[in-house]
Amino acid sequence: MSASLALTHLVPLAKEVDENKVTPGVLGFIVFAVMALAVWGLMKSMNKHMQKVAFPESPDAGAEETADSTQQRG
């Protein structure tokens, strides 16, 4: 019974749609879905490549100076 009640409320909404307006339609949805899948694939690939990169950690000269100065004060 609730389905028929919901349907009676939706029918007037469908008649209020202006037929002169342009909507993206199915083609717009397909293009958007393909672009979303492409971005997802690129992000997954980038994450895989970034995990392979090994950055050598060099000691920061500025950090050593501040550590030395705080040890001398204390």
Protein backbone atom coordinates (compact mmCIF):
# COMPACT_ATOMS: atom_id res chain seq x y z
CA MET A 1 0.00 0.00 0.00
CA SER A 2 2.83 2.41 0.74
CA ALA A 3 4.30 1.85 -2.74
CA SER A 4 1.08 2.99 -4.39
CA LEU A 5 0.96 6.00 -2.09
CA ALA A 6 4.54 6.92 -3.00
CA LEU A 7 3.73 6.48 -6.69
CA THR A 8 0.77 8.84 -6.46
CA HIS A 9 3.05 11.49 -4.94
CA LEU A 10 5.70 11.06 -7.65
CA VAL A 11 3.36 11.25 -10.64
CA PRO A 12 2.62 14.98 -10.21
CA LEU A 13 6.37 15.64 -9.90
CA ALA A 14 6.98 13.94 -13.24
CA LYS A 15 4.41 16.18 -14.93
CA GLU A 16 6.11 19.31 -13.58
CA VAL A 17 9.32 18.60 -15.54
CA ASP A 18 9.78 21.18 -18.29
CA GLU A 19 10.12 19.40 -21.64
CA ASN A 20 12.11 22.33 -23.11
CA LYS A 21 15.02 21.91 -20.67
CA VAL A 22 18.13 20.07 -21.77
CA THR A 23 19.33 17.29 -19.48
CA PRO A 24 22.58 15.30 -19.67
CA GLY A 25 20.77 12.03 -20.29
CA VAL A 26 22.33 8.62 -20.61
CA LEU A 27 25.28 9.80 -22.68
CA GLY A 28 26.23 12.34 -20.00
CA PHE A 29 26.07 9.65 -17.34
CA ILE A 30 28.23 7.29 -19.39
CA VAL A 31 30.85 9.99 -20.02
CA PHE A 32 30.90 10.90 -16.32
CA ALA A 33 31.19 7.25 -15.27
CA VAL A 34 34.09 6.64 -17.70
CA MET A 35 35.89 9.74 -16.42
CA ALA A 36 35.36 8.64 -12.80
CA LEU A 37 36.77 5.18 -13.57
CA ALA A 38 39.75 6.74 -15.34
CA VAL A 39 40.53 8.99 -12.36
CA TRP A 40 40.18 6.03 -9.99
CA GLY A 41 42.58 3.98 -12.12
CA LEU A 42 45.09 6.82 -12.31
CA MET A 43 44.99 7.35 -8.54
CA LYS A 44 45.48 3.63 -7.93
CA SER A 45 48.43 3.56 -10.33
CA MET A 46 49.97 6.68 -8.79
CA ASN A 47 49.66 5.17 -5.32
CA LYS A 48 51.42 2.02 -6.50
CA HIS A 49 54.25 4.03 -8.07
CA MET A 50 54.65 6.30 -5.04
CA GLN A 51 55.06 3.28 -2.77
CA LYS A 52 57.99 2.12 -4.91
CA VAL A 53 59.84 5.44 -4.53
CA ALA A 54 62.44 5.46 -1.77
CA PHE A 55 63.42 8.94 -0.62
CA PRO A 56 66.82 9.02 1.08
CA GLU A 57 66.46 10.87 4.34
CA SER A 58 69.23 13.36 4.87
CA PRO A 59 69.65 15.06 8.22
CA ASP A 60 68.23 18.54 8.28
CA ALA A 61 70.90 21.11 9.19
CA GLY A 62 68.36 23.51 10.71
CA ALA A 63 66.93 20.82 12.96
CA GLU A 64 70.34 19.90 14.31
CA GLU A 65 71.16 23.51 15.21
CA THR A 66 67.92 23.97 17.11
CA ALA A 67 68.41 20.66 18.94
CA ASP A 68 71.95 21.66 19.95
CA SER A 69 70.86 25.08 21.17
CA THR A 70 68.03 23.65 23.29
CA GLN A 71 70.37 21.09 24.87
CA GLN A 72 72.89 23.80 25.78
CA ARG A 73 70.19 25.91 27.46
CA GLY A 74 68.78 23.06 29.54
